[in-house]
PDB file of N, CA and C in Angstrom:
ATOM      1  N   MET A   1    -106.302-172.425  81.198  1.00  0.00           N
ATOM      2  CA  MET A   1    -106.587-173.787  80.832  1.00  0.00           C
ATOM      3  C   MET A   1    -105.615-174.196  79.739  1.00  0.00           C
ATOM      4  N   ALA A   2    -105.096-175.402  79.837  1.00  0.00           N
ATOM      5  CA  ALA A   2    -104.154-175.913  78.843  1.00  0.00           C
ATOM      6  C   ALA A   2    -104.667-177.231  78.305  1.00  0.00           C
ATOM      7  N   ALA A   3    -104.321-177.526  77.086  1.00  0.00           N
ATOM      8  CA  ALA A   3    -104.765-178.770  76.467  1.00  0.00           C
ATOM      9  C   ALA A   3    -103.689-179.312  75.558  1.00  0.00           C
ATOM     10  N   LEU A   4    -103.666-180.608  75.419  1.00  0.00           N
ATOM     11  CA  LEU A   4    -102.794-181.262  74.455  1.00  0.00           C
ATOM     12  C   LEU A   4    -103.682-181.815  73.353  1.00  0.00           C
ATOM     13  N   THR A   5    -103.518-181.311  72.163  1.00  0.00           N
ATOM     14  CA  THR A   5    -104.402-181.722  71.076  1.00  0.00           C
ATOM     15  C   THR A   5    -104.192-183.174  70.659  1.00  0.00           C
ATOM     16  N   HIS A   6    -103.025-183.749  70.968  1.00  0.00           N
ATOM     17  CA  HIS A   6    -102.763-185.129  70.571  1.00  0.00           C
ATOM     18  C   HIS A   6    -103.150-186.146  71.654  1.00  0.00           C
ATOM     19  N   SER A   7    -103.627-185.709  72.798  1.00  0.00           N
ATOM     20  CA  SER A   7    -104.022-186.640  73.866  1.00  0.00           C
ATOM     21  C   SER A   7    -105.487-186.997  73.686  1.00  0.00           C
ATOM     22  N   HIS A   8    -105.712-188.205  73.252  1.00  0.00           N
ATOM     23  CA  HIS A   8    -107.079-188.640  72.983  1.00  0.00           C
ATOM     24  C   HIS A   8    -107.638-189.543  74.076  1.00  0.00           C
ATOM     25  N   TYR A   9    -106.757-190.151  74.849  1.00  0.00           N
ATOM     26  CA  TYR A   9    -107.191-191.098  75.864  1.00  0.00           C
ATOM     27  C   TYR A   9    -106.553-190.730  77.196  1.00  0.00           C
ATOM     28  N   PRO A  10    -107.258-190.899  78.296  1.00  0.00           N
ATOM     29  CA  PRO A  10    -106.678-190.514  79.589  1.00  0.00           C
ATOM     30  C   PRO A  10    -105.439-191.305  79.954  1.00  0.00           C
ATOM     31  N   ALA A  11    -105.234-192.461  79.372  1.00  0.00           N
ATOM     32  CA  ALA A  11    -104.085-193.300  79.705  1.00  0.00           C
ATOM     33  C   ALA A  11    -102.783-192.786  79.098  1.00  0.00           C
ATOM     34  N   GLU A  12    -102.849-191.768  78.249  1.00  0.00           N
ATOM     35  CA  GLU A  12    -101.639-191.303  77.597  1.00  0.00           C
ATOM     36  C   GLU A  12    -100.637-190.705  78.575  1.00  0.00           C
ATOM     37  N   TYR A  13    -101.061-190.211  79.717  1.00  0.00           N
ATOM     38  CA  TYR A  13    -100.112-189.687  80.698  1.00  0.00           C
ATOM     39  C   TYR A  13     -99.688-190.760  81.696  1.00  0.00           C
ATOM     40  N   ASN A  14    -100.380-191.865  81.704  1.00  0.00           N
ATOM     41  CA  ASN A  14    -100.050-192.929  82.651  1.00  0.00           C
ATOM     42  C   ASN A  14     -98.662-193.479  82.358  1.00  0.00           C
ATOM     43  N   GLY A  15     -98.017-193.921  83.374  1.00  0.00           N
ATOM     44  CA  GLY A  15     -96.690-194.492  83.236  1.00  0.00           C
ATOM     45  C   GLY A  15     -95.893-194.160  84.481  1.00  0.00           C
ATOM     46  N   PRO A  16     -94.753-194.799  84.610  1.00  0.00           N
ATOM     47  CA  PRO A  16     -93.950-194.538  85.801  1.00  0.00           C
ATOM     48  C   PRO A  16     -93.424-193.107  85.816  1.00  0.00           C
ATOM     49  N   TYR A  17     -93.470-192.482  86.984  1.00  0.00           N
ATOM     50  CA  TYR A  17     -92.870-191.159  87.118  1.00  0.00           C
ATOM     51  C   TYR A  17     -91.388-191.293  86.852  1.00  0.00           C
ATOM     52  N   GLN A  18     -90.751-190.200  86.565  1.00  0.00           N
ATOM     53  CA  GLN A  18     -89.330-190.142  86.208  1.00  0.00           C
ATOM     54  C   GLN A  18     -89.074-190.754  84.831  1.00  0.00           C
ATOM     55  N   VAL A  19     -90.102-190.961  84.062  1.00  0.00           N
ATOM     56  CA  VAL A  19     -89.932-191.429  82.691  1.00  0.00           C
ATOM     57  C   VAL A  19     -90.479-190.379  81.742  1.00  0.00           C
ATOM     58  N   GLN A  20     -91.743-190.017  81.921  1.00  0.00           N
ATOM     59  CA  GLN A  20     -92.376-189.073  81.004  1.00  0.00           C
ATOM     60  C   GLN A  20     -92.055-187.629  81.323  1.00  0.00           C
ATOM     61  N   ASP A  21     -91.926-187.288  82.568  1.00  0.00           N
ATOM     62  CA  ASP A  21     -91.767-185.872  82.913  1.00  0.00           C
ATOM     63  C   ASP A  21     -90.393-185.526  83.462  1.00  0.00           C
ATOM     64  N   VAL A  22     -89.430-186.402  83.303  1.00  0.00           N
ATOM     65  CA  VAL A  22     -88.092-186.155  83.841  1.00  0.00           C
ATOM     66  C   VAL A  22     -87.389-185.004  83.118  1.00  0.00           C
ATOM     67  N   VAL A  23     -87.841-184.644  81.934  1.00  0.00           N
ATOM     68  CA  VAL A  23     -87.205-183.547  81.198  1.00  0.00           C
ATOM     69  C   VAL A  23     -87.670-182.171  81.673  1.00  0.00           C
ATOM     70  N   PHE A  24     -88.566-182.130  82.646  1.00  0.00           N
ATOM     71  CA  PHE A  24     -89.032-180.854  83.178  1.00  0.00           C
ATOM     72  C   PHE A  24     -88.430-180.614  84.555  1.00  0.00           C
ATOM     73  N   LYS A  25     -87.996-179.378  84.808  1.00  0.00           N
ATOM     74  CA  LYS A  25     -87.401-179.045  86.109  1.00  0.00           C
ATOM     75  C   LYS A  25     -88.430-179.118  87.232  1.00  0.00           C
ATOM     76  N   THR A  26     -89.641-178.708  86.964  1.00  0.00           N
ATOM     77  CA  THR A  26     -90.724-178.817  87.943  1.00  0.00           C
ATOM     78  C   THR A  26     -91.918-179.459  87.239  1.00  0.00           C
ATOM     79  N   PRO A  27     -91.963-180.782  87.199  1.00  0.00           N
ATOM     80  CA  PRO A  27     -93.036-181.465  86.479  1.00  0.00           C
ATOM     81  C   PRO A  27     -94.409-181.215  87.102  1.00  0.00           C
ATOM     82  N   VAL A  28     -95.406-181.264  86.279  1.00  0.00           N
ATOM     83  CA  VAL A  28     -96.787-181.100  86.721  1.00  0.00           C
ATOM     84  C   VAL A  28     -97.349-182.487  87.005  1.00  0.00           C
ATOM     85  N   ARG A  29     -97.900-182.672  88.164  1.00  0.00           N
ATOM     86  CA  ARG A  29     -98.470-183.961  88.557  1.00  0.00           C
ATOM     87  C   ARG A  29     -99.987-183.835  88.646  1.00  0.00           C
ATOM     88  N   PRO A  30    -100.700-184.831  88.179  1.00  0.00           N
ATOM     89  CA  PRO A  30    -102.157-184.783  88.321  1.00  0.00           C
ATOM     90  C   PRO A  30    -102.560-184.934  89.789  1.00  0.00           C
ATOM     91  N   ALA A  31    -103.570-184.191  90.201  1.00  0.00           N
ATOM     92  CA  ALA A  31    -104.119-184.293  91.551  1.00  0.00           C
ATOM     93  C   ALA A  31    -105.632-184.336  91.438  1.00  0.00           C
ATOM     94  N   HIS A  32    -106.212-185.396  91.938  1.00  0.00           N
ATOM     95  CA  HIS A  32    -107.660-185.586  91.873  1.00  0.00           C
ATOM     96  C   HIS A  32    -108.166-185.557  90.433  1.00  0.00           C
ATOM     97  N   GLY A  33    -107.356-186.128  89.520  1.00  0.00           N
ATOM     98  CA  GLY A  33    -107.761-186.234  88.127  1.00  0.00           C
ATOM     99  C   GLY A  33    -107.565-184.983  87.297  1.00  0.00           C
ATOM    100  N   LYS A  34    -106.899-183.965  87.847  1.00  0.00           N
ATOM    101  CA  LYS A  34    -106.703-182.721  87.111  1.00  0.00           C
ATOM    102  C   LYS A  34    -105.257-182.261  87.232  1.00  0.00           C
ATOM    103  N   PHE A  35    -104.813-181.495  86.245  1.00  0.00           N
ATOM    104  CA  PHE A  35    -103.497-180.868  86.277  1.00  0.00           C
ATOM    105  C   PHE A  35    -103.683-179.399  86.611  1.00  0.00           C
ATOM    106  N   SER A  36    -103.006-178.933  87.622  1.00  0.00           N
ATOM    107  CA  SER A  36    -103.035-177.510  87.968  1.00  0.00           C
ATOM    108  C   SER A  36    -101.744-176.881  87.477  1.00  0.00           C
ATOM    109  N   LEU A  37    -101.874-175.892  86.607  1.00  0.00           N
ATOM    110  CA  LEU A  37    -100.707-175.242  86.037  1.00  0.00           C
ATOM    111  C   LEU A  37    -100.469-173.907  86.725  1.00  0.00           C
ATOM    112  N   THR A  38     -99.250-173.416  86.603  1.00  0.00           N
ATOM    113  CA  THR A  38     -98.891-172.135  87.200  1.00  0.00           C
ATOM    114  C   THR A  38     -99.249-171.000  86.240  1.00  0.00           C
ATOM    115  N   ASP A  39     -98.952-169.786  86.654  1.00  0.00           N
ATOM    116  CA  ASP A  39     -99.159-168.622  85.795  1.00  0.00           C
ATOM    117  C   ASP A  39     -97.924-168.311  84.958  1.00  0.00           C
ATOM    118  N   ALA A  40     -96.938-169.178  84.996  1.00  0.00           N
ATOM    119  CA  ALA A  40     -95.708-168.964  84.223  1.00  0.00           C
ATOM    120  C   ALA A  40     -96.022-169.000  82.727  1.00  0.00           C
ATOM    121  N   PRO A  41     -95.174-168.394  81.903  1.00  0.00           N
ATOM    122  CA  PRO A  41     -95.413-168.382  80.456  1.00  0.00           C
ATOM    123  C   PRO A  41     -95.558-169.788  79.879  1.00  0.00           C
ATOM    124  N   GLY A  42     -96.287-169.875  78.790  1.00  0.00           N
ATOM    125  CA  GLY A  42     -96.527-171.172  78.158  1.00  0.00           C
ATOM    126  C   GLY A  42     -97.375-172.036  79.068  1.00  0.00           C
ATOM    127  N   LEU A  43     -97.007-173.263  79.223  1.00  0.00           N
ATOM    128  CA  LEU A  43     -97.706-174.162  80.152  1.00  0.00           C
ATOM    129  C   LEU A  43     -97.083-174.124  81.536  1.00  0.00           C
ATOM    130  N   GLY A  44     -96.070-173.274  81.715  1.00  0.00           N
ATOM    131  CA  GLY A  44     -95.407-173.179  83.008  1.00  0.00           C
ATOM    132  C   GLY A  44     -94.385-174.269  83.225  1.00  0.00           C
ATOM    133  N   LEU A  45     -93.994-174.925  82.161  1.00  0.00           N
ATOM    134  CA  LEU A  45     -93.011-175.998  82.260  1.00  0.00           C
ATOM    135  C   LEU A  45     -91.647-175.493  81.820  1.00  0.00           C
ATOM    136  N   GLU A  46     -90.646-175.728  82.649  1.00  0.00           N
ATOM    137  CA  GLU A  46     -89.285-175.350  82.298  1.00  0.00           C
ATOM    138  C   GLU A  46     -88.518-176.623  81.953  1.00  0.00           C
ATOM    139  N   VAL A  47     -87.958-176.660  80.757  1.00  0.00           N
ATOM    140  CA  VAL A  47     -87.268-177.853  80.265  1.00  0.00           C
ATOM    141  C   VAL A  47     -85.880-177.946  80.878  1.00  0.00           C
ATOM    142  N   ASP A  48     -85.512-179.147  81.323  1.00  0.00           N
ATOM    143  CA  ASP A  48     -84.163-179.436  81.805  1.00  0.00           C
ATOM    144  C   ASP A  48     -83.370-179.895  80.583  1.00  0.00           C
ATOM    145  N   GLU A  49     -82.584-178.978  80.032  1.00  0.00           N
ATOM    146  CA  GLU A  49     -81.876-179.231  78.778  1.00  0.00           C
ATOM    147  C   GLU A  49     -80.956-180.453  78.852  1.00  0.00           C
ATOM    148  N   SER A  50     -80.284-180.660  79.987  1.00  0.00           N
ATOM    149  CA  SER A  50     -79.357-181.800  80.092  1.00  0.00           C
ATOM    150  C   SER A  50     -80.115-183.128  80.056  1.00  0.00           C
ATOM    151  N   GLU A  51     -81.275-183.193  80.710  1.00  0.00           N
ATOM    152  CA  GLU A  51     -82.080-184.419  80.665  1.00  0.00           C
ATOM    153  C   GLU A  51     -82.649-184.642  79.265  1.00  0.00           C
ATOM    154  N   LEU A  52     -83.027-183.567  78.612  1.00  0.00           N
ATOM    155  CA  LEU A  52     -83.556-183.678  77.259  1.00  0.00           C
ATOM    156  C   LEU A  52     -82.481-184.190  76.304  1.00  0.00           C
ATOM    157  N   ARG A  53     -81.253-183.666  76.413  1.00  0.00           N
ATOM    158  CA  ARG A  53     -80.154-184.126  75.557  1.00  0.00           C
ATOM    159  C   ARG A  53     -79.884-185.614  75.732  1.00  0.00           C
ATOM    160  N   LYS A  54     -80.007-186.122  76.958  1.00  0.00           N
ATOM    161  CA  LYS A  54     -79.777-187.550  77.210  1.00  0.00           C
ATOM    162  C   LYS A  54     -80.762-188.426  76.444  1.00  0.00           C
ATOM    163  N   ARG A  55     -81.938-187.887  76.154  1.00  0.00           N
ATOM    164  CA  ARG A  55     -83.007-188.680  75.546  1.00  0.00           C
ATOM    165  C   ARG A  55     -83.228-188.381  74.066  1.00  0.00           C
ATOM    166  N   MET A  56     -82.436-187.479  73.520  1.00  0.00           N
ATOM    167  CA  MET A  56     -82.604-187.125  72.114  1.00  0.00           C
ATOM    168  C   MET A  56     -82.204-188.281  71.210  1.00  0.00           C
ATOM    169  N   VAL A  57     -82.950-188.446  70.153  1.00  0.00           N
ATOM    170  CA  VAL A  57     -82.650-189.462  69.151  1.00  0.00           C
ATOM    171  C   VAL A  57     -82.134-188.727  67.921  1.00  0.00           C
ATOM    172  N   PRO A  58     -80.897-189.025  67.497  1.00  0.00           N
ATOM    173  CA  PRO A  58     -80.365-188.332  66.324  1.00  0.00           C
ATOM    174  C   PRO A  58     -81.257-188.588  65.107  1.00  0.00           C
ATOM    175  N   TRP A  59     -81.440-187.558  64.320  1.00  0.00           N
ATOM    176  CA  TRP A  59     -82.273-187.680  63.135  1.00  0.00           C
ATOM    177  C   TRP A  59     -81.498-187.192  61.934  1.00  0.00           C
ATOM    178  N   THR A  60     -81.585-187.974  60.867  1.00  0.00           N
ATOM    179  CA  THR A  60     -81.013-187.540  59.592  1.00  0.00           C
ATOM    180  C   THR A  60     -82.104-187.733  58.545  1.00  0.00           C
ATOM    181  N   SER A  61     -82.105-186.854  57.604  1.00  0.00           N
ATOM    182  CA  SER A  61     -83.116-186.900  56.563  1.00  0.00           C
ATOM    183  C   SER A  61     -82.830-188.050  55.600  1.00  0.00           C
ATOM    184  N   SER A  62     -83.893-188.717  55.183  1.00  0.00           N
ATOM    185  CA  SER A  62     -83.742-189.751  54.170  1.00  0.00           C
ATOM    186  C   SER A  62     -84.028-189.196  52.771  1.00  0.00           C
ATOM    187  N   ALA A  63     -84.292-187.898  52.718  1.00  0.00           N
ATOM    188  CA  ALA A  63     -84.546-187.248  51.421  1.00  0.00           C
ATOM    189  C   ALA A  63     -83.254-187.175  50.627  1.00  0.00           C
ATOM    190  N   ALA A  64     -83.384-187.278  49.343  1.00  0.00           N
ATOM    191  CA  ALA A  64     -82.208-187.193  48.466  1.00  0.00           C
ATOM    192  C   ALA A  64     -81.607-185.799  48.546  1.00  0.00           C
ATOM    193  N   SER A  65     -80.303-185.717  48.621  1.00  0.00           N
ATOM    194  CA  SER A  65     -79.620-184.412  48.654  1.00  0.00           C
ATOM    195  C   SER A  65     -79.548-183.849  47.240  1.00  0.00           C
ATOM    196  N   SER A  66     -79.584-182.527  47.188  1.00  0.00           N
ATOM    197  CA  SER A  66     -79.451-181.920  45.857  1.00  0.00           C
ATOM    198  C   SER A  66     -78.148-181.199  45.721  1.00  0.00           C
TER     199      SER A  66
END
């Protein structure tokens, strides 16, 4: 069984496909209101690094440098 601690409402996964799960090589799709996961390590999701890089937002610290 897997859970997302930050998902409070069922609508959080709603949205067009190829937007939320495009960074996964084999995305998990809900079927009959449930997600079936594999026995692979973690949640069984393999990240597509090239798709993830396309969507990364550069971050720089606003903290004062010492």
